[in-house]
Amino acid sequence: MNKAQLIHELSTHFDGSKREASRALNAVVETITQTVATGEKVSVTGFGVFEKVDKPARTVRNPRTGERKEAPPTSVVRFRPGTDLKASVADDGEHVAS
Protein backbone atom coordinates (compact mmCIF):
# COMPACT_ATOMS: atom_id res chain seq x y z
CA MET A 1 0.00 0.00 0.00
CA ASN A 2 1.40 3.40 -0.94
CA LYS A 3 0.53 6.80 0.54
CA ALA A 4 -2.29 7.52 -1.94
CA GLN A 5 -3.89 4.15 -1.21
CA LEU A 6 -3.55 4.74 2.53
CA ILE A 7 -5.23 8.14 2.19
CA HIS A 8 -8.03 6.49 0.21
CA GLU A 9 -8.55 3.92 3.00
CA LEU A 10 -8.38 6.59 5.71
CA SER A 11 -10.96 8.72 3.90
CA THR A 12 -13.66 6.26 4.97
CA HIS A 13 -13.09 7.53 8.53
CA PHE A 14 -13.50 11.14 7.36
CA ASP A 15 -16.85 10.83 5.57
CA GLY A 16 -15.07 10.15 2.29
CA SER A 17 -12.93 13.30 2.45
CA LYS A 18 -9.53 12.54 0.97
CA ARG A 19 -8.43 16.09 1.79
CA GLU A 20 -9.09 15.61 5.52
CA ALA A 21 -7.55 12.11 5.48
CA SER A 22 -4.45 13.51 3.77
CA ARG A 23 -4.15 16.35 6.30
CA ALA A 24 -4.48 13.89 9.19
CA LEU A 25 -1.90 11.48 7.78
CA ASN A 26 0.55 14.29 7.00
CA ALA A 27 0.11 15.72 10.51
CA VAL A 28 0.86 12.33 12.11
CA VAL A 29 3.91 11.68 9.91
CA GLU A 30 5.31 15.20 10.46
CA THR A 31 4.80 15.00 14.21
CA ILE A 32 6.48 11.59 14.47
CA THR A 33 9.35 12.75 12.23
CA GLN A 34 10.01 15.96 14.14
CA THR A 35 9.73 14.32 17.56
CA VAL A 36 12.05 11.40 16.72
CA ALA A 37 14.55 13.79 15.12
CA THR A 38 14.89 15.59 18.47
CA GLY A 39 15.75 12.30 20.16
CA GLU A 40 12.38 11.66 21.81
CA LYS A 41 10.58 8.34 21.57
CA VAL A 42 7.13 8.16 19.98
CA SER A 43 5.05 5.33 21.37
CA VAL A 44 1.68 4.41 19.87
CA THR A 45 0.13 1.84 22.18
CA GLY A 46 -0.51 -1.43 20.38
CA PHE A 47 1.12 -0.20 17.17
CA GLY A 48 4.75 0.35 18.09
CA VAL A 49 7.59 2.63 19.12
CA PHE A 50 9.69 4.92 16.91
CA GLU A 51 13.04 5.97 18.36
CA LYS A 52 16.30 7.56 17.29
CA VAL A 53 19.39 5.38 17.73
CA ASP A 54 22.90 6.82 17.52
CA LYS A 55 25.45 4.57 15.82
CA PRO A 56 29.13 5.16 16.58
CA ALA A 57 31.88 5.61 13.99
CA ARG A 58 33.10 2.29 12.65
CA THR A 59 35.46 0.75 10.13
CA VAL A 60 33.78 -0.43 6.93
CA ARG A 61 35.07 -2.35 3.93
CA ASN A 62 34.22 -1.82 0.28
CA PRO A 63 33.34 -5.36 -0.90
CA ARG A 64 34.39 -4.60 -4.48
CA THR A 65 37.86 -3.21 -3.77
CA GLY A 66 38.52 -4.47 -0.24
CA GLU A 67 39.42 -0.92 0.80
CA ARG A 68 38.82 -0.17 4.47
CA LYS A 69 37.80 3.26 5.69
CA GLU A 70 36.18 4.95 8.66
CA ALA A 71 32.41 5.55 8.48
CA PRO A 72 31.28 8.59 10.49
CA PRO A 73 28.86 8.31 13.40
CA THR A 74 25.23 8.46 12.32
CA SER A 75 21.69 8.31 13.65
CA VAL A 76 18.98 5.96 12.42
CA VAL A 77 15.32 5.41 13.23
CA ARG A 78 14.32 2.16 14.90
CA PHE A 79 10.75 0.90 14.88
CA ARG A 80 9.67 -1.79 17.32
CA PRO A 81 6.21 -3.19 16.60
CA GLY A 82 3.65 -3.26 19.41
CA THR A 83 1.70 -6.21 20.72
CA ASP A 84 -1.44 -5.66 18.65
CA LEU A 85 0.53 -5.23 15.41
CA LYS A 86 2.58 -8.36 16.11
CA ALA A 87 -0.56 -10.36 16.87
CA SER A 88 -2.30 -9.09 13.74
CA VAL A 89 0.63 -10.05 11.53
CA ALA A 90 1.01 -13.44 13.21
CA ASP A 91 -2.73 -14.12 12.66
CA ASP A 92 -2.45 -13.12 8.97
CA GLY A 93 -4.38 -9.92 9.57
CA GLU A 94 -7.36 -11.53 11.28
CA HIS A 95 -6.70 -9.84 14.66
CA VAL A 96 -8.49 -6.52 15.01
CA ALA A 97 -7.38 -4.06 17.69
CA SER A 98 -10.13 -2.59 19.83
PDB file of N, CA and C in Angstrom:
ATOM      1  N   MET A   1       0.848  -1.171   0.000  1.00  0.00           N
ATOM      2  CA  MET A   1       0.000   0.000   0.000  1.00  0.00           C
ATOM      3  C   MET A   1       0.897   1.238   0.000  1.00  0.00           C
ATOM      4  N   ASN A   2       0.636   2.151  -0.911  1.00  0.00           N
ATOM      5  CA  ASN A   2       1.398   3.399  -0.941  1.00  0.00           C
ATOM      6  C   ASN A   2       0.598   4.502  -0.238  1.00  0.00           C
ATOM      7  N   LYS A   3       1.157   5.704  -0.198  1.00  0.00           N
ATOM      8  CA  LYS A   3       0.526   6.802   0.543  1.00  0.00           C
ATOM      9  C   LYS A   3      -0.852   7.148  -0.015  1.00  0.00           C
ATOM     10  N   ALA A   4      -0.996   7.185  -1.326  1.00  0.00           N
ATOM     11  CA  ALA A   4      -2.290   7.520  -1.938  1.00  0.00           C
ATOM     12  C   ALA A   4      -3.343   6.478  -1.576  1.00  0.00           C
ATOM     13  N   GLN A   5      -2.949   5.209  -1.578  1.00  0.00           N
ATOM     14  CA  GLN A   5      -3.889   4.150  -1.207  1.00  0.00           C
ATOM     15  C   GLN A   5      -4.250   4.232   0.269  1.00  0.00           C
ATOM     16  N   LEU A   6      -3.278   4.576   1.101  1.00  0.00           N
ATOM     17  CA  LEU A   6      -3.549   4.738   2.526  1.00  0.00           C
ATOM     18  C   LEU A   6      -4.515   5.893   2.764  1.00  0.00           C
ATOM     19  N   ILE A   7      -4.315   6.993   2.067  1.00  0.00           N
ATOM     20  CA  ILE A   7      -5.230   8.136   2.188  1.00  0.00           C
ATOM     21  C   ILE A   7      -6.630   7.732   1.754  1.00  0.00           C
ATOM     22  N   HIS A   8      -6.723   6.970   0.678  1.00  0.00           N
ATOM     23  CA  HIS A   8      -8.033   6.490   0.213  1.00  0.00           C
ATOM     24  C   HIS A   8      -8.723   5.657   1.304  1.00  0.00           C
ATOM     25  N   GLU A   9      -7.978   4.755   1.927  1.00  0.00           N
ATOM     26  CA  GLU A   9      -8.547   3.925   2.996  1.00  0.00           C
ATOM     27  C   GLU A   9      -8.937   4.762   4.206  1.00  0.00           C
ATOM     28  N   LEU A  10      -8.087   5.726   4.565  1.00  0.00           N
ATOM     29  CA  LEU A  10      -8.377   6.591   5.706  1.00  0.00           C
ATOM     30  C   LEU A  10      -9.596   7.477   5.457  1.00  0.00           C
ATOM     31  N   SER A  11      -9.842   7.823   4.220  1.00  0.00           N
ATOM     32  CA  SER A  11     -10.955   8.724   3.904  1.00  0.00           C
ATOM     33  C   SER A  11     -12.305   8.162   4.343  1.00  0.00           C
ATOM     34  N   THR A  12     -12.401   6.849   4.492  1.00  0.00           N
ATOM     35  CA  THR A  12     -13.663   6.261   4.972  1.00  0.00           C
ATOM     36  C   THR A  12     -13.957   6.678   6.408  1.00  0.00           C
ATOM     37  N   HIS A  13     -12.917   7.062   7.148  1.00  0.00           N
ATOM     38  CA  HIS A  13     -13.093   7.533   8.532  1.00  0.00           C
ATOM     39  C   HIS A  13     -13.359   9.036   8.588  1.00  0.00           C
ATOM     40  N   PHE A  14     -13.276   9.702   7.443  1.00  0.00           N
ATOM     41  CA  PHE A  14     -13.496  11.143   7.363  1.00  0.00           C
ATOM     42  C   PHE A  14     -14.632  11.453   6.393  1.00  0.00           C
ATOM     43  N   ASP A  15     -15.677  10.657   6.435  1.00  0.00           N
ATOM     44  CA  ASP A  15     -16.853  10.834   5.568  1.00  0.00           C
ATOM     45  C   ASP A  15     -16.475  10.941   4.097  1.00  0.00           C
ATOM     46  N   GLY A  16     -15.479  10.179   3.689  1.00  0.00           N
ATOM     47  CA  GLY A  16     -15.074  10.149   2.287  1.00  0.00           C
ATOM     48  C   GLY A  16     -14.165  11.281   1.861  1.00  0.00           C
ATOM     49  N   SER A  17     -13.773  12.151   2.795  1.00  0.00           N
ATOM     50  CA  SER A  17     -12.934  13.297   2.448  1.00  0.00           C
ATOM     51  C   SER A  17     -11.459  12.905   2.380  1.00  0.00           C
ATOM     52  N   LYS A  18     -10.940  12.849   1.150  1.00  0.00           N
ATOM     53  CA  LYS A  18      -9.526  12.539   0.971  1.00  0.00           C
ATOM     54  C   LYS A  18      -8.659  13.702   1.447  1.00  0.00           C
ATOM     55  N   ARG A  19      -9.170  14.910   1.336  1.00  0.00           N
ATOM     56  CA  ARG A  19      -8.426  16.091   1.790  1.00  0.00           C
ATOM     57  C   ARG A  19      -8.181  16.021   3.303  1.00  0.00           C
ATOM     58  N   GLU A  20      -9.233  15.709   4.061  1.00  0.00           N
ATOM     59  CA  GLU A  20      -9.088  15.606   5.522  1.00  0.00           C
ATOM     60  C   GLU A  20      -8.211  14.416   5.902  1.00  0.00           C
ATOM     61  N   ALA A  21      -8.371  13.297   5.208  1.00  0.00           N
ATOM     62  CA  ALA A  21      -7.546  12.113   5.475  1.00  0.00           C
ATOM     63  C   ALA A  21      -6.076  12.422   5.203  1.00  0.00           C
ATOM     64  N   SER A  22      -5.809  13.132   4.124  1.00  0.00           N
ATOM     65  CA  SER A  22      -4.445  13.508   3.768  1.00  0.00           C
ATOM     66  C   SER A  22      -3.855  14.440   4.822  1.00  0.00           C
ATOM     67  N   ARG A  23      -4.618  15.416   5.269  1.00  0.00           N
ATOM     68  CA  ARG A  23      -4.151  16.354   6.305  1.00  0.00           C
ATOM     69  C   ARG A  23      -3.842  15.608   7.597  1.00  0.00           C
ATOM     70  N   ALA A  24      -4.691  14.654   7.962  1.00  0.00           N
ATOM     71  CA  ALA A  24      -4.485  13.887   9.192  1.00  0.00           C
ATOM     72  C   ALA A  24      -3.224  13.038   9.084  1.00  0.00           C
ATOM     73  N   LEU A  25      -3.069  12.328   7.974  1.00  0.00           N
ATOM     74  CA  LEU A  25      -1.895  11.480   7.783  1.00  0.00           C
ATOM     75  C   LEU A  25      -0.619  12.313   7.778  1.00  0.00           C
ATOM     76  N   ASN A  26      -0.627  13.426   7.056  1.00  0.00           N
ATOM     77  CA  ASN A  26       0.545  14.295   6.998  1.00  0.00           C
ATOM     78  C   ASN A  26       0.891  14.846   8.382  1.00  0.00           C
ATOM     79  N   ALA A  27      -0.118  15.198   9.165  1.00  0.00           N
ATOM     80  CA  ALA A  27       0.115  15.718  10.514  1.00  0.00           C
ATOM     81  C   ALA A  27       0.763  14.652  11.398  1.00  0.00           C
ATOM     82  N   VAL A  28       0.292  13.423  11.305  1.00  0.00           N
ATOM     83  CA  VAL A  28       0.858  12.329  12.110  1.00  0.00           C
ATOM     84  C   VAL A  28       2.302  12.067  11.698  1.00  0.00           C
ATOM     85  N   VAL A  29       2.552  11.965  10.400  1.00  0.00           N
ATOM     86  CA  VAL A  29       3.905  11.677   9.907  1.00  0.00           C
ATOM     87  C   VAL A  29       4.867  12.812  10.286  1.00  0.00           C
ATOM     88  N   GLU A  30       4.458  14.059  10.107  1.00  0.00           N
ATOM     89  CA  GLU A  30       5.312  15.195  10.456  1.00  0.00           C
ATOM     90  C   GLU A  30       5.613  15.228  11.949  1.00  0.00           C
ATOM     91  N   THR A  31       4.602  14.978  12.766  1.00  0.00           N
ATOM     92  CA  THR A  31       4.798  14.997  14.213  1.00  0.00           C
ATOM     93  C   THR A  31       5.757  13.897  14.655  1.00  0.00           C
ATOM     94  N   ILE A  32       5.577  12.695  14.135  1.00  0.00           N
ATOM     95  CA  ILE A  32       6.482  11.593  14.474  1.00  0.00           C
ATOM     96  C   ILE A  32       7.895  11.932  14.015  1.00  0.00           C
ATOM     97  N   THR A  33       8.043  12.419  12.791  1.00  0.00           N
ATOM     98  CA  THR A  33       9.355  12.745  12.235  1.00  0.00           C
ATOM     99  C   THR A  33      10.075  13.793  13.073  1.00  0.00           C
ATOM    100  N   GLN A  34       9.393  14.886  13.385  1.00  0.00           N
ATOM    101  CA  GLN A  34      10.012  15.964  14.142  1.00  0.00           C
ATOM    102  C   GLN A  34      10.356  15.529  15.564  1.00  0.00           C
ATOM    103  N   THR A  35       9.491  14.757  16.184  1.00  0.00           N
ATOM    104  CA  THR A  35       9.726  14.317  17.558  1.00  0.00           C
ATOM    105  C   THR A  35      10.898  13.352  17.631  1.00  0.00           C
ATOM    106  N   VAL A  36      10.950  12.372  16.723  1.00  0.00           N
ATOM    107  CA  VAL A  36      12.046  11.403  16.721  1.00  0.00           C
ATOM    108  C   VAL A  36      13.363  12.094  16.387  1.00  0.00           C
ATOM    109  N   ALA A  37      13.337  13.072  15.494  1.00  0.00           N
ATOM    110  CA  ALA A  37      14.555  13.794  15.116  1.00  0.00           C
ATOM    111  C   ALA A  37      15.179  14.508  16.312  1.00  0.00           C
ATOM    112  N   THR A  38      14.356  14.916  17.276  1.00  0.00           N
ATOM    113  CA  THR A  38      14.887  15.592  18.470  1.00  0.00           C
ATOM    114  C   THR A  38      15.432  14.598  19.491  1.00  0.00           C
ATOM    115  N   GLY A  39      15.238  13.311  19.249  1.00  0.00           N
ATOM    116  CA  GLY A  39      15.749  12.297  20.159  1.00  0.00           C
ATOM    117  C   GLY A  39      14.700  11.712  21.090  1.00  0.00           C
ATOM    118  N   GLU A  40      13.467  12.190  20.976  1.00  0.00           N
ATOM    119  CA  GLU A  40      12.380  11.665  21.812  1.00  0.00           C
ATOM    120  C   GLU A  40      11.781  10.422  21.185  1.00  0.00           C
ATOM    121  N   LYS A  41      11.279   9.534  22.033  1.00  0.00           N
ATOM    122  CA  LYS A  41      10.577   8.340  21.570  1.00  0.00           C
ATOM    123  C   LYS A  41       9.137   8.690  21.274  1.00  0.00           C
ATOM    124  N   VAL A  42       8.561   8.042  20.255  1.00  0.00           N
ATOM    125  CA  VAL A  42       7.134   8.161  19.984  1.00  0.00           C
ATOM    126  C   VAL A  42       6.547   6.766  20.123  1.00  0.00           C
ATOM    127  N   SER A  43       5.650   6.623  21.082  1.00  0.00           N
ATOM    128  CA  SER A  43       5.054   5.326  21.366  1.00  0.00           C
ATOM    129  C   SER A  43       3.560   5.386  21.084  1.00  0.00           C
ATOM    130  N   VAL A  44       3.103   4.515  20.179  1.00  0.00           N
ATOM    131  CA  VAL A  44       1.679   4.411  19.868  1.00  0.00           C
ATOM    132  C   VAL A  44       1.236   3.046  20.400  1.00  0.00           C
ATOM    133  N   THR A  45       0.513   3.063  21.508  1.00  0.00           N
ATOM    134  CA  THR A  45       0.133   1.836  22.184  1.00  0.00           C
ATOM    135  C   THR A  45      -0.515   0.849  21.225  1.00  0.00           C
ATOM    136  N   GLY A  46       0.004  -0.370  21.237  1.00  0.00           N
ATOM    137  CA  GLY A  46      -0.511  -1.430  20.379  1.00  0.00           C
ATOM    138  C   GLY A  46       0.106  -1.448  18.995  1.00  0.00           C
ATOM    139  N   PHE A  47       0.535  -0.284  18.505  1.00  0.00           N
ATOM    140  CA  PHE A  47       1.115  -0.200  17.165  1.00  0.00           C
ATOM    141  C   PHE A  47       2.628  -0.358  17.200  1.00  0.00           C
ATOM    142  N   GLY A  48       3.308   0.479  18.004  1.00  0.00           N
ATOM    143  CA  GLY A  48       4.748   0.355  18.091  1.00  0.00           C
ATOM    144  C   GLY A  48       5.430   1.601  18.602  1.00  0.00           C
ATOM    145  N   VAL A  49       6.767   1.548  18.604  1.00  0.00           N
ATOM    146  CA  VAL A  49       7.591   2.635  19.115  1.00  0.00           C
ATOM    147  C   VAL A  49       8.604   3.041  18.048  1.00  0.00           C
ATOM    148  N   PHE A  50       8.685   4.349  17.801  1.00  0.00           N
ATOM    149  CA  PHE A  50       9.690   4.919  16.914  1.00  0.00           C
ATOM    150  C   PHE A  50      10.723   5.585  17.812  1.00  0.00           C
ATOM    151  N   GLU A  51      12.013   5.317  17.565  1.00  0.00           N
ATOM    152  CA  GLU A  51      13.037   5.972  18.360  1.00  0.00           C
ATOM    153  C   GLU A  51      14.300   6.195  17.549  1.00  0.00           C
ATOM    154  N   LYS A  52      15.033   7.225  17.936  1.00  0.00           N
ATOM    155  CA  LYS A  52      16.301   7.562  17.292  1.00  0.00           C
ATOM    156  C   LYS A  52      17.403   6.776  17.985  1.00  0.00           C
ATOM    157  N   VAL A  53      18.277   6.147  17.192  1.00  0.00           N
ATOM    158  CA  VAL A  53      19.393   5.380  17.729  1.00  0.00           C
ATOM    159  C   VAL A  53      20.676   5.945  17.128  1.00  0.00           C
ATOM    160  N   ASP A  54      21.615   6.299  17.980  1.00  0.00           N
ATOM    161  CA  ASP A  54      22.902   6.820  17.524  1.00  0.00           C
ATOM    162  C   ASP A  54      23.862   5.661  17.319  1.00  0.00           C
ATOM    163  N   LYS A  55      24.473   5.614  16.140  1.00  0.00           N
ATOM    164  CA  LYS A  55      25.448   4.571  15.821  1.00  0.00           C
ATOM    165  C   LYS A  55      26.837   5.210  15.827  1.00  0.00           C
ATOM    166  N   PRO A  56      27.785   4.576  16.508  1.00  0.00           N
ATOM    167  CA  PRO A  56      29.129   5.163  16.580  1.00  0.00           C
ATOM    168  C   PRO A  56      29.885   5.018  15.256  1.00  0.00           C
ATOM    169  N   ALA A  57      31.000   5.748  15.157  1.00  0.00           N
ATOM    170  CA  ALA A  57      31.877   5.610  13.993  1.00  0.00           C
ATOM    171  C   ALA A  57      32.393   4.177  13.961  1.00  0.00           C
ATOM    172  N   ARG A  58      32.634   3.664  12.761  1.00  0.00           N
ATOM    173  CA  ARG A  58      33.098   2.286  12.645  1.00  0.00           C
ATOM    174  C   ARG A  58      33.919   2.137  11.369  1.00  0.00           C
ATOM    175  N   THR A  59      34.676   1.060  11.313  1.00  0.00           N
ATOM    176  CA  THR A  59      35.464   0.750  10.126  1.00  0.00           C
ATOM    177  C   THR A  59      34.612  -0.096   9.193  1.00  0.00           C
ATOM    178  N   VAL A  60      34.558   0.304   7.935  1.00  0.00           N
ATOM    179  CA  VAL A  60      33.778  -0.433   6.931  1.00  0.00           C
ATOM    180  C   VAL A  60      34.712  -0.861   5.803  1.00  0.00           C
ATOM    181  N   ARG A  61      34.259  -1.847   5.031  1.00  0.00           N
ATOM    182  CA  ARG A  61      35.073  -2.353   3.926  1.00  0.00           C
ATOM    183  C   ARG A  61      34.257  -2.324   2.644  1.00  0.00           C
ATOM    184  N   ASN A  62      34.847  -1.798   1.596  1.00  0.00           N
ATOM    185  CA  ASN A  62      34.218  -1.821   0.285  1.00  0.00           C
ATOM    186  C   ASN A  62      34.357  -3.244  -0.251  1.00  0.00           C
ATOM    187  N   PRO A  63      33.238  -3.965  -0.462  1.00  0.00           N
ATOM    188  CA  PRO A  63      33.338  -5.356  -0.895  1.00  0.00           C
ATOM    189  C   PRO A  63      33.954  -5.521  -2.292  1.00  0.00           C
ATOM    190  N   ARG A  64      33.853  -4.509  -3.128  1.00  0.00           N
ATOM    191  CA  ARG A  64      34.393  -4.598  -4.483  1.00  0.00           C
ATOM    192  C   ARG A  64      35.913  -4.457  -4.502  1.00  0.00           C
ATOM    193  N   THR A  65      36.425  -3.484  -3.728  1.00  0.00           N
ATOM    194  CA  THR A  65      37.860  -3.210  -3.768  1.00  0.00           C
ATOM    195  C   THR A  65      38.609  -3.737  -2.545  1.00  0.00           C
ATOM    196  N   GLY A  66      37.874  -4.019  -1.477  1.00  0.00           N
ATOM    197  CA  GLY A  66      38.517  -4.469  -0.244  1.00  0.00           C
ATOM    198  C   GLY A  66      39.063  -3.323   0.588  1.00  0.00           C
ATOM    199  N   GLU A  67      38.926  -2.090   0.094  1.00  0.00           N
ATOM    200  CA  GLU A  67      39.422  -0.915   0.803  1.00  0.00           C
ATOM    201  C   GLU A  67      38.677  -0.731   2.122  1.00  0.00           C
ATOM    202  N   ARG A  68      39.422  -0.439   3.167  1.00  0.00           N
ATOM    203  CA  ARG A  68      38.821  -0.165   4.471  1.00  0.00           C
ATOM    204  C   ARG A  68      38.886   1.331   4.736  1.00  0.00           C
ATOM    205  N   LYS A  69      37.797   1.847   5.310  1.00  0.00           N
ATOM    206  CA  LYS A  69      37.801   3.261   5.692  1.00  0.00           C
ATOM    207  C   LYS A  69      36.877   3.457   6.880  1.00  0.00           C
ATOM    208  N   GLU A  70      36.961   4.633   7.464  1.00  0.00           N
ATOM    209  CA  GLU A  70      36.177   4.952   8.656  1.00  0.00           C
ATOM    210  C   GLU A  70      34.842   5.573   8.241  1.00  0.00           C
ATOM    211  N   ALA A  71      33.742   4.985   8.719  1.00  0.00           N
ATOM    212  CA  ALA A  71      32.412   5.552   8.484  1.00  0.00           C
ATOM    213  C   ALA A  71      32.097   6.473   9.667  1.00  0.00           C
ATOM    214  N   PRO A  72      31.558   7.637   9.401  1.00  0.00           N
ATOM    215  CA  PRO A  72      31.278   8.587  10.489  1.00  0.00           C
ATOM    216  C   PRO A  72      30.114   8.094  11.367  1.00  0.00           C
ATOM    217  N   PRO A  73      30.014   8.651  12.563  1.00  0.00           N
ATOM    218  CA  PRO A  73      28.857   8.308  13.396  1.00  0.00           C
ATOM    219  C   PRO A  73      27.576   8.786  12.717  1.00  0.00           C
ATOM    220  N   THR A  74      26.490   8.099  12.950  1.00  0.00           N
ATOM    221  CA  THR A  74      25.230   8.462  12.317  1.00  0.00           C
ATOM    222  C   THR A  74      24.065   8.136  13.246  1.00  0.00           C
ATOM    223  N   SER A  75      22.909   8.619  12.898  1.00  0.00           N
ATOM    224  CA  SER A  75      21.691   8.310  13.645  1.00  0.00           C
ATOM    225  C   SER A  75      20.711   7.641  12.698  1.00  0.00           C
ATOM    226  N   VAL A  76      19.991   6.654  13.205  1.00  0.00           N
ATOM    227  CA  VAL A  76      18.978   5.962  12.419  1.00  0.00           C
ATOM    228  C   VAL A  76      17.695   5.871  13.235  1.00  0.00           C
ATOM    229  N   VAL A  77      16.600   5.585  12.554  1.00  0.00           N
ATOM    230  CA  VAL A  77      15.322   5.410  13.231  1.00  0.00           C
ATOM    231  C   VAL A  77      15.081   3.924  13.419  1.00  0.00           C
ATOM    232  N   ARG A  78      14.679   3.551  14.615  1.00  0.00           N
ATOM    233  CA  ARG A  78      14.324   2.164  14.898  1.00  0.00           C
ATOM    234  C   ARG A  78      12.823   2.122  15.183  1.00  0.00           C
ATOM    235  N   PHE A  79      12.165   1.127  14.606  1.00  0.00           N
ATOM    236  CA  PHE A  79      10.745   0.897  14.880  1.00  0.00           C
ATOM    237  C   PHE A  79      10.607  -0.472  15.512  1.00  0.00           C
ATOM    238  N   ARG A  80       9.964  -0.513  16.661  1.00  0.00           N
ATOM    239  CA  ARG A  80       9.674  -1.791  17.318  1.00  0.00           C
ATOM    240  C   ARG A  80       8.159  -1.964  17.325  1.00  0.00           C
ATOM    241  N   PRO A  81       7.654  -2.995  16.671  1.00  0.00           N
ATOM    242  CA  PRO A  81       6.208  -3.187  16.604  1.00  0.00           C
ATOM    243  C   PRO A  81       5.606  -3.486  17.975  1.00  0.00           C
ATOM    244  N   GLY A  82       4.373  -3.024  18.166  1.00  0.00           N
ATOM    245  CA  GLY A  82       3.649  -3.256  19.409  1.00  0.00           C
ATOM    246  C   GLY A  82       2.932  -4.595  19.401  1.00  0.00           C
ATOM    247  N   THR A  83       2.356  -4.925  20.532  1.00  0.00           N
ATOM    248  CA  THR A  83       1.697  -6.212  20.723  1.00  0.00           C
ATOM    249  C   THR A  83       0.563  -6.460  19.743  1.00  0.00           C
ATOM    250  N   ASP A  84      -0.308  -5.479  19.555  1.00  0.00           N
ATOM    251  CA  ASP A  84      -1.444  -5.662  18.646  1.00  0.00           C
ATOM    252  C   ASP A  84      -0.986  -5.857  17.206  1.00  0.00           C
ATOM    253  N   LEU A  85       0.013  -5.092  16.775  1.00  0.00           N
ATOM    254  CA  LEU A  85       0.529  -5.232  15.413  1.00  0.00           C
ATOM    255  C   LEU A  85       1.168  -6.597  15.224  1.00  0.00           C
ATOM    256  N   LYS A  86       1.958  -7.034  16.194  1.00  0.00           N
ATOM    257  CA  LYS A  86       2.584  -8.358  16.112  1.00  0.00           C
ATOM    258  C   LYS A  86       1.525  -9.456  16.024  1.00  0.00           C
ATOM    259  N   ALA A  87       0.494  -9.350  16.867  1.00  0.00           N
ATOM    260  CA  ALA A  87      -0.563 -10.361  16.875  1.00  0.00           C
ATOM    261  C   ALA A  87      -1.318 -10.371  15.553  1.00  0.00           C
ATOM    262  N   SER A  88      -1.573  -9.193  15.003  1.00  0.00           N
ATOM    263  CA  SER A  88      -2.295  -9.091  13.742  1.00  0.00           C
ATOM    264  C   SER A  88      -1.508  -9.726  12.605  1.00  0.00           C
ATOM    265  N   VAL A  89      -0.218  -9.480  12.566  1.00  0.00           N
ATOM    266  CA  VAL A  89       0.626 -10.049  11.525  1.00  0.00           C
ATOM    267  C   VAL A  89       0.741 -11.555  11.703  1.00  0.00           C
ATOM    268  N   ALA A  90       0.888 -12.012  12.929  1.00  0.00           N
ATOM    269  CA  ALA A  90       1.006 -13.440  13.210  1.00  0.00           C
ATOM    270  C   ALA A  90      -0.277 -14.194  12.849  1.00  0.00           C
ATOM    271  N   ASP A  91      -1.431 -13.512  12.984  1.00  0.00           N
ATOM    272  CA  ASP A  91      -2.725 -14.117  12.664  1.00  0.00           C
ATOM    273  C   ASP A  91      -3.121 -13.873  11.220  1.00  0.00           C
ATOM    274  N   ASP A  92      -2.185 -13.450  10.369  1.00  0.00           N
ATOM    275  CA  ASP A  92      -2.445 -13.123   8.968  1.00  0.00           C
ATOM    276  C   ASP A  92      -3.507 -12.056   8.812  1.00  0.00           C
ATOM    277  N   GLY A  93      -3.468 -11.050   9.695  1.00  0.00           N
ATOM    278  CA  GLY A  93      -4.381  -9.919   9.571  1.00  0.00           C
ATOM    279  C   GLY A  93      -5.762 -10.139  10.121  1.00  0.00           C
ATOM    280  N   GLU A  94      -6.022 -11.256  10.762  1.00  0.00           N
ATOM    281  CA  GLU A  94      -7.364 -11.526  11.278  1.00  0.00           C
ATOM    282  C   GLU A  94      -7.618 -10.845  12.615  1.00  0.00           C
ATOM    283  N   HIS A  95      -6.559 -10.487  13.344  1.00  0.00           N
ATOM    284  CA  HIS A  95      -6.697  -9.844  14.656  1.00  0.00           C
ATOM    285  C   HIS A  95      -7.066  -8.379  14.449  1.00  0.00           C
ATOM    286  N   VAL A  96      -8.065  -7.910  15.129  1.00  0.00           N
ATOM    287  CA  VAL A  96      -8.485  -6.524  15.014  1.00  0.00           C
ATOM    288  C   VAL A  96      -8.345  -5.877  16.383  1.00  0.00           C
ATOM    289  N   ALA A  97      -7.580  -4.768  16.433  1.00  0.00           N
ATOM    290  CA  ALA A  97      -7.382  -4.056  17.686  1.00  0.00           C
ATOM    291  C   ALA A  97      -8.678  -3.349  18.068  1.00  0.00           C
ATOM    292  N   SER A  98      -8.908  -3.258  19.366  1.00  0.00           N
ATOM    293  CA  SER A  98     -10.129  -2.586  19.833  1.00  0.00           C
ATOM    294  C   SER A  98      -9.878  -1.156  20.206  1.00  0.00           C
TER     295      SER A  98
END
